[in-house]
C-alpha atoms as a PDB file:
ATOM      1  CA  UNK A   1      24.062   4.644 -13.786  1.00  0.00           C
ATOM      2  CA  UNK A   2      24.583   7.522 -16.192  1.00  0.00           C
ATOM      3  CA  UNK A   3      27.992   9.200 -16.135  1.00  0.00           C
ATOM      4  CA  UNK A   4      26.648  12.694 -16.959  1.00  0.00           C
ATOM      5  CA  UNK A   5      24.488  12.816 -13.828  1.00  0.00           C
ATOM      6  CA  UNK A   6      26.067  15.355 -11.479  1.00  0.00           C
ATOM      7  CA  UNK A   7      23.273  15.555  -8.902  1.00  0.00           C
ATOM      8  CA  UNK A   8      24.218  13.590  -5.783  1.00  0.00           C
ATOM      9  CA  UNK A   9      21.164  14.393  -3.666  1.00  0.00           C
ATOM     10  CA  UNK A  10      17.644  15.788  -3.883  1.00  0.00           C
ATOM     11  CA  UNK A  11      15.879  18.247  -1.577  1.00  0.00           C
ATOM     12  CA  UNK A  12      12.402  17.156  -0.475  1.00  0.00           C
ATOM     13  CA  UNK A  13      10.127  20.105   0.273  1.00  0.00           C
ATOM     14  CA  UNK A  14       7.789  17.839   2.210  1.00  0.00           C
ATOM     15  CA  UNK A  15       4.851  19.664   3.749  1.00  0.00           C
ATOM     16  CA  UNK A  16       6.663  22.988   3.820  1.00  0.00           C
ATOM     17  CA  UNK A  17       4.386  26.009   3.877  1.00  0.00           C
ATOM     18  CA  UNK A  18       7.054  28.083   2.177  1.00  0.00           C
ATOM     19  CA  UNK A  19       9.056  26.371  -0.589  1.00  0.00           C
ATOM     20  CA  UNK A  20      11.485  29.324  -0.625  1.00  0.00           C
ATOM     21  CA  UNK A  21      12.435  28.648   3.004  1.00  0.00           C
ATOM     22  CA  UNK A  22      13.288  25.053   2.160  1.00  0.00           C
ATOM     23  CA  UNK A  23      15.071  26.072  -1.040  1.00  0.00           C
ATOM     24  CA  UNK A  24      17.573  28.291   0.735  1.00  0.00           C
ATOM     25  CA  UNK A  25      18.303  25.499   3.211  1.00  0.00           C
ATOM     26  CA  UNK A  26      16.466  26.794   6.293  1.00  0.00           C
ATOM     27  CA  UNK A  27      14.373  24.486   8.436  1.00  0.00           C
ATOM     28  CA  UNK A  28      10.667  24.892   9.117  1.00  0.00           C
ATOM     29  CA  UNK A  29       9.109  25.886  12.405  1.00  0.00           C
ATOM     30  CA  UNK A  30      10.206  23.126  14.848  1.00  0.00           C
ATOM     31  CA  UNK A  31       6.763  23.146  16.488  1.00  0.00           C
ATOM     32  CA  UNK A  32       5.055  22.576  13.119  1.00  0.00           C
ATOM     33  CA  UNK A  33       7.510  19.774  12.353  1.00  0.00           C
ATOM     34  CA  UNK A  34       6.821  18.132  15.710  1.00  0.00           C
ATOM     35  CA  UNK A  35       3.031  18.300  15.200  1.00  0.00           C
ATOM     36  CA  UNK A  36       3.378  16.730  11.760  1.00  0.00           C
ATOM     37  CA  UNK A  37       5.712  14.091  13.194  1.00  0.00           C
ATOM     38  CA  UNK A  38       3.109  13.077  15.804  1.00  0.00           C
ATOM     39  CA  UNK A  39       0.324  12.977  13.215  1.00  0.00           C
ATOM     40  CA  UNK A  40       2.237  10.805  10.742  1.00  0.00           C
ATOM     41  CA  UNK A  41       3.717   8.613  13.470  1.00  0.00           C
ATOM     42  CA  UNK A  42       0.175   7.911  14.691  1.00  0.00           C
ATOM     43  CA  UNK A  43      -0.901   7.037  11.146  1.00  0.00           C
ATOM     44  CA  UNK A  44       2.130   4.773  10.658  1.00  0.00           C
ATOM     45  CA  UNK A  45       1.702   2.948  13.997  1.00  0.00           C
ATOM     46  CA  UNK A  46      -2.031   2.521  13.308  1.00  0.00           C
ATOM     47  CA  UNK A  47      -1.166   1.056   9.892  1.00  0.00           C
ATOM     48  CA  UNK A  48       1.153  -1.489  11.515  1.00  0.00           C
ATOM     49  CA  UNK A  49      -1.311  -2.412  14.276  1.00  0.00           C
ATOM     50  CA  UNK A  50      -4.290  -2.811  11.941  1.00  0.00           C
ATOM     51  CA  UNK A  51      -2.493  -4.859   9.322  1.00  0.00           C
ATOM     52  CA  UNK A  52      -0.570  -6.999  11.834  1.00  0.00           C
ATOM     53  CA  UNK A  53      -3.872  -7.783  13.551  1.00  0.00           C
ATOM     54  CA  UNK A  54      -5.215  -9.147  10.268  1.00  0.00           C
ATOM     55  CA  UNK A  55      -2.028 -11.133   9.550  1.00  0.00           C
ATOM     56  CA  UNK A  56      -1.825 -12.748  13.011  1.00  0.00           C
ATOM     57  CA  UNK A  57      -5.556 -13.471  13.111  1.00  0.00           C
ATOM     58  CA  UNK A  58      -5.426 -15.228   9.747  1.00  0.00           C
ATOM     59  CA  UNK A  59      -2.338 -17.217  10.782  1.00  0.00           C
ATOM     60  CA  UNK A  60      -3.557 -18.359  14.211  1.00  0.00           C
ATOM     61  CA  UNK A  61      -7.311 -18.844  13.625  1.00  0.00           C
ATOM     62  CA  UNK A  62      -7.983 -22.062  11.627  1.00  0.00           C
ATOM     63  CA  UNK A  63     -11.446 -20.913  10.474  1.00  0.00           C
ATOM     64  CA  UNK A  64      -9.735 -18.184   8.458  1.00  0.00           C
ATOM     65  CA  UNK A  65      -7.475 -20.587   6.566  1.00  0.00           C
ATOM     66  CA  UNK A  66      -9.352 -19.935   3.315  1.00  0.00           C
ATOM     67  CA  UNK A  67      -8.237 -18.405  -0.002  1.00  0.00           C
ATOM     68  CA  UNK A  68      -9.995 -15.087   0.660  1.00  0.00           C
ATOM     69  CA  UNK A  69      -8.282 -14.525   4.009  1.00  0.00           C
ATOM     70  CA  UNK A  70      -4.940 -15.766   2.680  1.00  0.00           C
ATOM     71  CA  UNK A  71      -5.135 -13.031   0.033  1.00  0.00           C
ATOM     72  CA  UNK A  72      -6.279 -10.514   2.643  1.00  0.00           C
ATOM     73  CA  UNK A  73      -3.269 -11.304   4.860  1.00  0.00           C
ATOM     74  CA  UNK A  74      -0.942 -10.782   1.892  1.00  0.00           C
ATOM     75  CA  UNK A  75      -2.620  -7.447   1.148  1.00  0.00           C
ATOM     76  CA  UNK A  76      -1.998  -6.460   4.774  1.00  0.00           C
ATOM     77  CA  UNK A  77       1.709  -7.359   4.428  1.00  0.00           C
ATOM     78  CA  UNK A  78       1.957  -5.264   1.255  1.00  0.00           C
ATOM     79  CA  UNK A  79       0.199  -2.333   2.938  1.00  0.00           C
ATOM     80  CA  UNK A  80       2.789  -2.360   5.730  1.00  0.00           C
ATOM     81  CA  UNK A  81       5.615  -2.459   3.177  1.00  0.00           C
ATOM     82  CA  UNK A  82       4.058   0.258   1.020  1.00  0.00           C
ATOM     83  CA  UNK A  83       3.586   2.592   3.985  1.00  0.00           C
ATOM     84  CA  UNK A  84       7.091   1.935   5.315  1.00  0.00           C
ATOM     85  CA  UNK A  85       8.769   2.950   2.052  1.00  0.00           C
ATOM     86  CA  UNK A  86       7.555   6.547   2.388  1.00  0.00           C
ATOM     87  CA  UNK A  87       6.830   6.938   6.107  1.00  0.00           C
ATOM     88  CA  UNK A  88      10.285   6.216   7.519  1.00  0.00           C
ATOM     89  CA  UNK A  89      12.015   8.916   5.473  1.00  0.00           C
ATOM     90  CA  UNK A  90       9.190  11.364   6.175  1.00  0.00           C
ATOM     91  CA  UNK A  91       9.331  10.759   9.941  1.00  0.00           C
ATOM     92  CA  UNK A  92      13.132  10.893  10.052  1.00  0.00           C
ATOM     93  CA  UNK A  93      13.122  14.175   8.148  1.00  0.00           C
ATOM     94  CA  UNK A  94      10.542  15.772  10.442  1.00  0.00           C
ATOM     95  CA  UNK A  95      12.441  14.675  13.542  1.00  0.00           C
ATOM     96  CA  UNK A  96      15.932  15.630  12.376  1.00  0.00           C
ATOM     97  CA  UNK A  97      14.877  18.615  10.212  1.00  0.00           C
ATOM     98  CA  UNK A  98      16.876  17.055   7.365  1.00  0.00           C
ATOM     99  CA  UNK A  99      15.158  17.416   4.008  1.00  0.00           C
ATOM    100  CA  UNK A 100      17.679  15.786   1.672  1.00  0.00           C
ATOM    101  CA  UNK A 101      17.897  12.317   0.170  1.00  0.00           C
ATOM    102  CA  UNK A 102      20.817  10.947  -1.823  1.00  0.00           C
ATOM    103  CA  UNK A 103      20.415  10.143  -5.509  1.00  0.00           C
ATOM    104  CA  UNK A 104      20.845   6.386  -4.926  1.00  0.00           C
ATOM    105  CA  UNK A 105      18.363   6.309  -2.034  1.00  0.00           C
ATOM    106  CA  UNK A 106      15.911   8.309  -4.118  1.00  0.00           C
ATOM    107  CA  UNK A 107      16.096   5.730  -6.919  1.00  0.00           C
ATOM    108  CA  UNK A 108      15.752   2.912  -4.353  1.00  0.00           C
ATOM    109  CA  UNK A 109      12.686   4.575  -2.840  1.00  0.00           C
ATOM    110  CA  UNK A 110      11.056   4.860  -6.266  1.00  0.00           C
ATOM    111  CA  UNK A 111      11.791   1.192  -6.955  1.00  0.00           C
ATOM    112  CA  UNK A 112      10.311  -0.142  -3.696  1.00  0.00           C
ATOM    113  CA  UNK A 113       7.372   2.271  -3.792  1.00  0.00           C
ATOM    114  CA  UNK A 114       6.289   1.126  -7.255  1.00  0.00           C
ATOM    115  CA  UNK A 115       7.176  -2.492  -6.492  1.00  0.00           C
ATOM    116  CA  UNK A 116       4.829  -2.664  -3.491  1.00  0.00           C
ATOM    117  CA  UNK A 117       2.205  -0.349  -5.001  1.00  0.00           C
ATOM    118  CA  UNK A 118       1.927  -2.318  -8.244  1.00  0.00           C
ATOM    119  CA  UNK A 119       1.893  -5.599  -6.295  1.00  0.00           C
ATOM    120  CA  UNK A 120      -1.106  -4.275  -4.333  1.00  0.00           C
ATOM    121  CA  UNK A 121      -2.927  -3.459  -7.582  1.00  0.00           C
ATOM    122  CA  UNK A 122      -2.249  -6.910  -9.016  1.00  0.00           C
ATOM    123  CA  UNK A 123      -3.303  -8.558  -5.738  1.00  0.00           C
ATOM    124  CA  UNK A 124      -6.585  -6.611  -5.746  1.00  0.00           C
ATOM    125  CA  UNK A 125      -7.174  -8.047  -9.228  1.00  0.00           C
ATOM    126  CA  UNK A 126      -6.536 -11.554  -7.873  1.00  0.00           C
ATOM    127  CA  UNK A 127      -8.995 -10.872  -5.026  1.00  0.00           C
ATOM    128  CA  UNK A 128     -11.627  -9.921  -7.608  1.00  0.00           C
ATOM    129  CA  UNK A 129     -11.001 -13.212  -9.440  1.00  0.00           C
ATOM    130  CA  UNK A 130     -11.348 -15.053  -6.117  1.00  0.00           C
ATOM    131  CA  UNK A 131     -14.739 -13.431  -5.424  1.00  0.00           C
ATOM    132  CA  UNK A 132     -15.892 -14.131  -9.001  1.00  0.00           C
ATOM    133  CA  UNK A 133     -15.122 -17.847  -8.649  1.00  0.00           C
ATOM    134  CA  UNK A 134     -16.709 -17.976  -5.166  1.00  0.00           C
ATOM    135  CA  UNK A 135     -19.973 -16.487  -6.481  1.00  0.00           C
ATOM    136  CA  UNK A 136     -20.170 -18.096  -9.927  1.00  0.00           C
ATOM    137  CA  UNK A 137     -18.556 -21.495  -9.158  1.00  0.00           C
ATOM    138  CA  UNK A 138     -19.376 -22.103  -5.461  1.00  0.00           C
ATOM    139  CA  UNK A 139     -19.303 -25.917  -5.724  1.00  0.00           C
ATOM    140  CA  UNK A 140     -15.910 -25.947  -7.448  1.00  0.00           C
ATOM    141  CA  UNK A 141     -14.442 -23.016  -5.507  1.00  0.00           C
ATOM    142  CA  UNK A 142     -12.300 -25.032  -3.077  1.00  0.00           C
ATOM    143  CA  UNK A 143     -10.990 -27.222  -5.886  1.00  0.00           C
ATOM    144  CA  UNK A 144     -10.141 -24.267  -8.171  1.00  0.00           C
ATOM    145  CA  UNK A 145      -8.672 -21.974  -5.500  1.00  0.00           C
ATOM    146  CA  UNK A 146      -6.473 -24.604  -3.874  1.00  0.00           C
ATOM    147  CA  UNK A 147      -3.299 -23.836  -1.939  1.00  0.00           C
ATOM    148  CA  UNK A 148      -1.002 -24.148  -4.967  1.00  0.00           C
ATOM    149  CA  UNK A 149      -3.142 -21.796  -7.039  1.00  0.00           C
ATOM    150  CA  UNK A 150      -3.353 -19.233  -4.222  1.00  0.00           C
ATOM    151  CA  UNK A 151       0.408 -19.192  -3.667  1.00  0.00           C
ATOM    152  CA  UNK A 152       1.013 -18.970  -7.434  1.00  0.00           C
ATOM    153  CA  UNK A 153      -1.394 -16.022  -7.771  1.00  0.00           C
ATOM    154  CA  UNK A 154       0.218 -14.139  -4.884  1.00  0.00           C
ATOM    155  CA  UNK A 155       3.706 -14.834  -6.263  1.00  0.00           C
ATOM    156  CA  UNK A 156       2.550 -13.590  -9.672  1.00  0.00           C
ATOM    157  CA  UNK A 157       1.309 -10.365  -8.060  1.00  0.00           C
ATOM    158  CA  UNK A 158       4.718  -9.760  -6.478  1.00  0.00           C
ATOM    159  CA  UNK A 159       6.473 -10.662  -9.743  1.00  0.00           C
ATOM    160  CA  UNK A 160       4.213  -8.301 -11.687  1.00  0.00           C
ATOM    161  CA  UNK A 161       5.034  -5.494  -9.259  1.00  0.00           C
ATOM    162  CA  UNK A 162       8.757  -6.200  -9.611  1.00  0.00           C
ATOM    163  CA  UNK A 163       8.660  -6.175 -13.434  1.00  0.00           C
ATOM    164  CA  UNK A 164       6.605  -2.967 -13.480  1.00  0.00           C
ATOM    165  CA  UNK A 165       9.011  -1.231 -11.104  1.00  0.00           C
ATOM    166  CA  UNK A 166      12.245  -2.401 -12.697  1.00  0.00           C
ATOM    167  CA  UNK A 167      11.052  -1.101 -16.088  1.00  0.00           C
ATOM    168  CA  UNK A 168      10.414   2.319 -14.533  1.00  0.00           C
ATOM    169  CA  UNK A 169      13.828   2.382 -12.891  1.00  0.00           C
ATOM    170  CA  UNK A 170      15.510   1.258 -16.106  1.00  0.00           C
ATOM    171  CA  UNK A 171      14.095   4.326 -17.847  1.00  0.00           C
ATOM    172  CA  UNK A 172      14.885   6.798 -15.045  1.00  0.00           C
ATOM    173  CA  UNK A 173      18.542   5.883 -14.573  1.00  0.00           C
ATOM    174  CA  UNK A 174      19.166   6.664 -18.234  1.00  0.00           C
ATOM    175  CA  UNK A 175      18.224  10.313 -17.643  1.00  0.00           C
ATOM    176  CA  UNK A 176      20.925  12.905 -16.843  1.00  0.00           C
ATOM    177  CA  UNK A 177      20.417  15.075 -13.722  1.00  0.00           C
ATOM    178  CA  UNK A 178      22.546  18.192 -13.420  1.00  0.00           C
ATOM    179  CA  UNK A 179      20.307  20.498 -11.367  1.00  0.00           C
ATOM    180  CA  UNK A 180      17.964  21.793 -10.077  1.00  0.00           C
ATOM    181  CA  UNK A 181      17.427  19.122  -7.437  1.00  0.00           C
ATOM    182  CA  UNK A 182      14.317  20.244  -5.514  1.00  0.00           C
ATOM    183  CA  UNK A 183      11.341  17.842  -5.307  1.00  0.00           C
ATOM    184  CA  UNK A 184       8.026  19.323  -4.200  1.00  0.00           C
ATOM    185  CA  UNK A 185       6.968  16.200  -2.358  1.00  0.00           C
ATOM    186  CA  UNK A 186       7.722  14.258   0.836  1.00  0.00           C
ATOM    187  CA  UNK A 187       9.141  11.241  -1.023  1.00  0.00           C
ATOM    188  CA  UNK A 188      10.797  10.512  -4.365  1.00  0.00           C
ATOM    189  CA  UNK A 189       8.369   9.658  -7.115  1.00  0.00           C
ATOM    190  CA  UNK A 190       8.545   9.456 -10.884  1.00  0.00           C
ATOM    191  CA  UNK A 191       6.590  12.592 -11.933  1.00  0.00           C
ATOM    192  CA  UNK A 192       8.703  14.998  -9.852  1.00  0.00           C
ATOM    193  CA  UNK A 193      12.054  13.283 -10.519  1.00  0.00           C
ATOM    194  CA  UNK A 194      11.609  13.004 -14.299  1.00  0.00           C
ATOM    195  CA  UNK A 195      10.808  16.731 -14.518  1.00  0.00           C
ATOM    196  CA  UNK A 196      14.272  17.532 -13.076  1.00  0.00           C
ATOM    197  CA  UNK A 197      16.147  15.733 -15.871  1.00  0.00           C
ATOM    198  CA  UNK A 198      18.469  17.897 -17.996  1.00  0.00           C
ATOM    199  CA  UNK A 199      16.951  16.732 -21.261  1.00  0.00           C
ATOM    200  CA  UNK A 200      13.665  16.643 -23.158  1.00  0.00           C
ATOM    201  CA  UNK A 201      11.463  14.222 -21.218  1.00  0.00           C
ATOM    202  CA  UNK A 202       8.401  14.152 -23.494  1.00  0.00           C
ATOM    203  CA  UNK A 203       8.991  10.585 -24.746  1.00  0.00           C
ATOM    204  CA  UNK A 204       9.959   9.442 -21.250  1.00  0.00           C
ATOM    205  CA  UNK A 205       6.730  10.861 -19.838  1.00  0.00           C
ATOM    206  CA  UNK A 206       4.704   9.059 -22.506  1.00  0.00           C
ATOM    207  CA  UNK A 207       6.437   5.783 -21.633  1.00  0.00           C
ATOM    208  CA  UNK A 208       5.798   6.321 -17.908  1.00  0.00           C
ATOM    209  CA  UNK A 209       2.146   7.210 -18.465  1.00  0.00           C
ATOM    210  CA  UNK A 210       1.732   4.109 -20.644  1.00  0.00           C
ATOM    211  CA  UNK A 211       3.443   1.869 -18.089  1.00  0.00           C
ATOM    212  CA  UNK A 212       1.591   3.287 -15.090  1.00  0.00           C
ATOM    213  CA  UNK A 213      -1.435   5.440 -15.838  1.00  0.00           C
ATOM    214  CA  UNK A 214      -3.059   3.623 -18.740  1.00  0.00           C
ATOM    215  CA  UNK A 215      -2.501   0.168 -17.236  1.00  0.00           C
ATOM    216  CA  UNK A 216      -3.912   1.250 -13.862  1.00  0.00           C
ATOM    217  CA  UNK A 217      -6.934   2.872 -15.542  1.00  0.00           C
ATOM    218  CA  UNK A 218      -7.632  -0.228 -17.646  1.00  0.00           C
ATOM    219  CA  UNK A 219      -7.315  -2.490 -14.596  1.00  0.00           C
ATOM    220  CA  UNK A 220      -9.642  -0.260 -12.573  1.00  0.00           C
ATOM    221  CA  UNK A 221     -12.337  -0.222 -15.278  1.00  0.00           C
ATOM    222  CA  UNK A 222     -12.142  -3.994 -15.749  1.00  0.00           C
ATOM    223  CA  UNK A 223     -12.377  -4.545 -11.989  1.00  0.00           C
ATOM    224  CA  UNK A 224     -15.346  -2.167 -11.668  1.00  0.00           C
ATOM    225  CA  UNK A 225     -17.189  -4.064 -14.398  1.00  0.00           C
ATOM    226  CA  UNK A 226     -16.269  -7.395 -12.774  1.00  0.00           C
ATOM    227  CA  UNK A 227     -17.543  -6.368  -9.349  1.00  0.00           C
ATOM    228  CA  UNK A 228     -20.704  -4.909 -10.903  1.00  0.00           C
ATOM    229  CA  UNK A 229     -21.377  -8.279 -12.549  1.00  0.00           C
ATOM    230  CA  UNK A 230     -20.684 -10.043  -9.241  1.00  0.00           C
ATOM    231  CA  UNK A 231     -23.053  -7.724  -7.336  1.00  0.00           C
ATOM    232  CA  UNK A 232     -25.824  -8.311  -9.906  1.00  0.00           C
ATOM    233  CA  UNK A 233     -25.311 -12.067  -9.516  1.00  0.00           C
ATOM    234  CA  UNK A 234     -25.489 -11.784  -5.713  1.00  0.00           C
ATOM    235  CA  UNK A 235     -28.693  -9.712  -5.765  1.00  0.00           C
ATOM    236  CA  UNK A 236     -30.537 -11.892  -8.278  1.00  0.00           C
ATOM    237  CA  UNK A 237     -29.337 -15.466  -7.697  1.00  0.00           C
ATOM    238  CA  UNK A 238     -27.566 -15.854  -4.349  1.00  0.00           C
ATOM    239  CA  UNK A 239     -29.854 -16.662  -1.422  1.00  0.00           C
ATOM    240  CA  UNK A 240     -27.636 -18.261   1.240  1.00  0.00           C
ATOM    241  CA  UNK A 241     -25.044 -15.904   2.698  1.00  0.00           C
ATOM    242  CA  UNK A 242     -26.203 -12.975   0.529  1.00  0.00           C
ATOM    243  CA  UNK A 243     -25.518 -10.349   3.210  1.00  0.00           C
ATOM    244  CA  UNK A 244     -21.983 -11.670   3.819  1.00  0.00           C
ATOM    245  CA  UNK A 245     -21.202 -11.761   0.091  1.00  0.00           C
ATOM    246  CA  UNK A 246     -22.537  -8.219  -0.408  1.00  0.00           C
ATOM    247  CA  UNK A 247     -20.541  -6.927   2.565  1.00  0.00           C
ATOM    248  CA  UNK A 248     -17.324  -8.561   1.327  1.00  0.00           C
ATOM    249  CA  UNK A 249     -17.686  -7.262  -2.232  1.00  0.00           C
ATOM    250  CA  UNK A 250     -18.577  -3.764  -1.007  1.00  0.00           C
ATOM    251  CA  UNK A 251     -15.440  -3.694   1.147  1.00  0.00           C
ATOM    252  CA  UNK A 252     -13.367  -4.841  -1.834  1.00  0.00           C
ATOM    253  CA  UNK A 253     -14.809  -2.075  -4.030  1.00  0.00           C
ATOM    254  CA  UNK A 254     -14.088   0.610  -1.419  1.00  0.00           C
ATOM    255  CA  UNK A 255     -10.467  -0.574  -1.075  1.00  0.00           C
ATOM    256  CA  UNK A 256     -10.261  -0.770  -4.871  1.00  0.00           C
ATOM    257  CA  UNK A 257     -11.304   2.879  -5.184  1.00  0.00           C
ATOM    258  CA  UNK A 258      -8.916   4.038  -2.448  1.00  0.00           C
ATOM    259  CA  UNK A 259      -5.985   2.403  -4.258  1.00  0.00           C
ATOM    260  CA  UNK A 260      -6.764   3.031  -7.916  1.00  0.00           C
ATOM    261  CA  UNK A 261      -8.383   6.488  -8.028  1.00  0.00           C
ATOM    262  CA  UNK A 262      -5.370   8.374  -6.542  1.00  0.00           C
ATOM    263  CA  UNK A 263      -3.006   6.354  -8.769  1.00  0.00           C
ATOM    264  CA  UNK A 264      -5.022   7.292 -11.852  1.00  0.00           C
ATOM    265  CA  UNK A 265      -4.949  10.951 -10.814  1.00  0.00           C
ATOM    266  CA  UNK A 266      -1.174  10.895 -10.276  1.00  0.00           C
ATOM    267  CA  UNK A 267       0.040   8.847 -13.255  1.00  0.00           C
ATOM    268  CA  UNK A 268      -2.575   9.068 -16.003  1.00  0.00           C
ATOM    269  CA  UNK A 269      -1.571  12.561 -17.165  1.00  0.00           C
ATOM    270  CA  UNK A 270       1.526  14.474 -18.261  1.00  0.00           C
ATOM    271  CA  UNK A 271       3.875  15.209 -15.379  1.00  0.00           C
ATOM    272  CA  UNK A 272       2.533  18.632 -14.473  1.00  0.00           C
ATOM    273  CA  UNK A 273       2.119  19.931 -10.930  1.00  0.00           C
ATOM    274  CA  UNK A 274      -1.433  20.339  -9.607  1.00  0.00           C
ATOM    275  CA  UNK A 275      -2.309  22.001  -6.268  1.00  0.00           C
ATOM    276  CA  UNK A 276      -3.823  18.794  -4.901  1.00  0.00           C
ATOM    277  CA  UNK A 277      -0.898  16.522  -5.779  1.00  0.00           C
ATOM    278  CA  UNK A 278       0.611  16.444  -2.311  1.00  0.00           C
ATOM    279  CA  UNK A 279      -2.742  15.693  -0.649  1.00  0.00           C
ATOM    280  CA  UNK A 280      -3.394  12.855  -3.125  1.00  0.00           C
ATOM    281  CA  UNK A 281       0.131  11.515  -2.510  1.00  0.00           C
ATOM    282  CA  UNK A 282      -0.495  11.486   1.253  1.00  0.00           C
ATOM    283  CA  UNK A 283      -3.845   9.781   0.732  1.00  0.00           C
ATOM    284  CA  UNK A 284      -2.335   7.153  -1.565  1.00  0.00           C
ATOM    285  CA  UNK A 285       0.826   6.372   0.411  1.00  0.00           C
ATOM    286  CA  UNK A 286      -0.107   6.980   4.063  1.00  0.00           C
ATOM    287  CA  UNK A 287      -3.880   7.016   4.598  1.00  0.00           C
ATOM    288  CA  UNK A 288      -4.994   4.156   2.327  1.00  0.00           C
ATOM    289  CA  UNK A 289      -2.711   1.482   3.919  1.00  0.00           C
ATOM    290  CA  UNK A 290      -4.129   2.545   7.295  1.00  0.00           C
ATOM    291  CA  UNK A 291      -7.774   2.448   6.130  1.00  0.00           C
ATOM    292  CA  UNK A 292      -7.628  -0.901   4.303  1.00  0.00           C
ATOM    293  CA  UNK A 293      -7.577  -3.106   7.447  1.00  0.00           C
ATOM    294  CA  UNK A 294     -10.246  -0.942   9.097  1.00  0.00           C
ATOM    295  CA  UNK A 295     -12.584  -1.379   6.133  1.00  0.00           C
ATOM    296  CA  UNK A 296     -12.110  -5.148   6.039  1.00  0.00           C
ATOM    297  CA  UNK A 297     -12.339  -5.738   9.800  1.00  0.00           C
ATOM    298  CA  UNK A 298     -15.204  -3.322  10.506  1.00  0.00           C
ATOM    299  CA  UNK A 299     -17.384  -4.743   7.720  1.00  0.00           C
ATOM    300  CA  UNK A 300     -16.459  -8.393   8.200  1.00  0.00           C
ATOM    301  CA  UNK A 301     -18.293 -10.167  11.017  1.00  0.00           C
ATOM    302  CA  UNK A 302     -16.227 -13.347  10.638  1.00  0.00           C
ATOM    303  CA  UNK A 303     -12.981 -11.404  10.993  1.00  0.00           C
ATOM    304  CA  UNK A 304     -14.258  -9.470  14.029  1.00  0.00           C
ATOM    305  CA  UNK A 305     -15.353 -12.687  15.730  1.00  0.00           C
ATOM    306  CA  UNK A 306     -11.989 -14.302  14.980  1.00  0.00           C
ATOM    307  CA  UNK A 307     -10.137 -11.318  16.483  1.00  0.00           C
ATOM    308  CA  UNK A 308     -12.242 -11.597  19.676  1.00  0.00           C
ATOM    309  CA  UNK A 309     -11.521 -15.333  19.937  1.00  0.00           C
ATOM    310  CA  UNK A 310      -7.808 -14.722  19.394  1.00  0.00           C
ATOM    311  CA  UNK A 311      -7.831 -12.162  22.225  1.00  0.00           C
ATOM    312  CA  UNK A 312      -9.556 -14.677  24.521  1.00  0.00           C
ATOM    313  CA  UNK A 313      -6.966 -17.313  23.544  1.00  0.00           C
ATOM    314  CA  UNK A 314      -4.098 -14.962  24.315  1.00  0.00           C
ATOM    315  CA  UNK A 315      -5.560 -13.939  27.684  1.00  0.00           C
ATOM    316  CA  UNK A 316      -6.243 -17.558  28.708  1.00  0.00           C
ATOM    317  CA  UNK A 317      -2.729 -18.592  27.617  1.00  0.00           C
ATOM    318  CA  UNK A 318      -1.187 -15.829  29.739  1.00  0.00           C
ATOM    319  CA  UNK A 319      -3.366 -16.880  32.682  1.00  0.00           C
ATOM    320  CA  UNK A 320      -2.231 -20.507  32.404  1.00  0.00           C
ATOM    321  CA  UNK A 321       1.419 -19.432  32.216  1.00  0.00           C
ATOM    322  CA  UNK A 322       0.983 -17.193  35.269  1.00  0.00           C
ATOM    323  CA  UNK A 323      -0.768 -19.941  37.261  1.00  0.00           C
ATOM    324  CA  UNK A 324       1.927 -22.441  36.265  1.00  0.00           C
ATOM    325  CA  UNK A 325       4.706 -20.089  37.351  1.00  0.00           C
ATOM    326  CA  UNK A 326       2.946 -19.375  40.635  1.00  0.00           C
ATOM    327  CA  UNK A 327       2.498 -23.110  41.305  1.00  0.00           C
ATOM    328  CA  UNK A 328       6.171 -23.749  40.500  1.00  0.00           C
ATOM    329  CA  UNK A 329       7.308 -20.999  42.880  1.00  0.00           C
ATOM    330  CA  UNK A 330       5.061 -22.272  45.688  1.00  0.00           C
ATOM    331  CA  UNK A 331       6.510 -25.812  45.322  1.00  0.00           C
ATOM    332  CA  UNK A 332      10.013 -24.387  45.641  1.00  0.00           C
ATOM    333  CA  UNK A 333       9.073 -22.854  48.992  1.00  0.00           C
END
């Protein structure tokens, strides 16, 4: 850490209607806080339920033990982690009316937020590669995308996210912070934090934009071109399972847009404040992890059927346990 940093905590304005009220240390309307708490708690619980449903279904249903669903389950795990990084502090602040976060926790939040977020972006790239091989090399697909390759690709996604994040943190902790300490957001993120540094941040902003914005934009364009090529191949050459392949690729492209477009808006420009920043941040960090499992499960017939079968399995298992317990009790009497 830098010795000339005197700031020990930051003030998060959150969804305050009046920044001045938060600045002078007064809390918002408790009723407004409670309404926001219920809204974001519902979003967070829905995120957990949707993504856990995908994870458990993939684990317990053998027909889903394929590379595509293995990657989908890992995306669900990352979505839970990504949402948790921002949601817990937001919910705690709304419930306790506390709008501060310590310097160290702020840096930690930035690290984990970019770690999970970048890992999601890399994993979406891996999912595009998986679909490309499935469409263009269907006979060799199982041999190419074997278990070792799948695990290696997922591990590489996590490693890529870690490297991306640690580079960002390495740059931030070199900056001196001596006040002000007010962040116009509901979580700590690079654009707002860097702007509070007590030094010229022009070069730092260029480095951050290069490390985040330009890379994300390049990845998004490459992935759009890749999926366009895949869709052309499906429409012109694929006959068997065309509808399923189209549905899967469409779902991937929707999730791709939900993840990359807000990131491009936030990080592919100088760190200036726009009126829509907070809405885009909420969309990127809270709404997208909730929508991802809905998009995949609602558009995927195989996944929906597997979820129904898993429910039947669970109900029948409970019935057998209940009958067994009842029989045991009757023998005792």
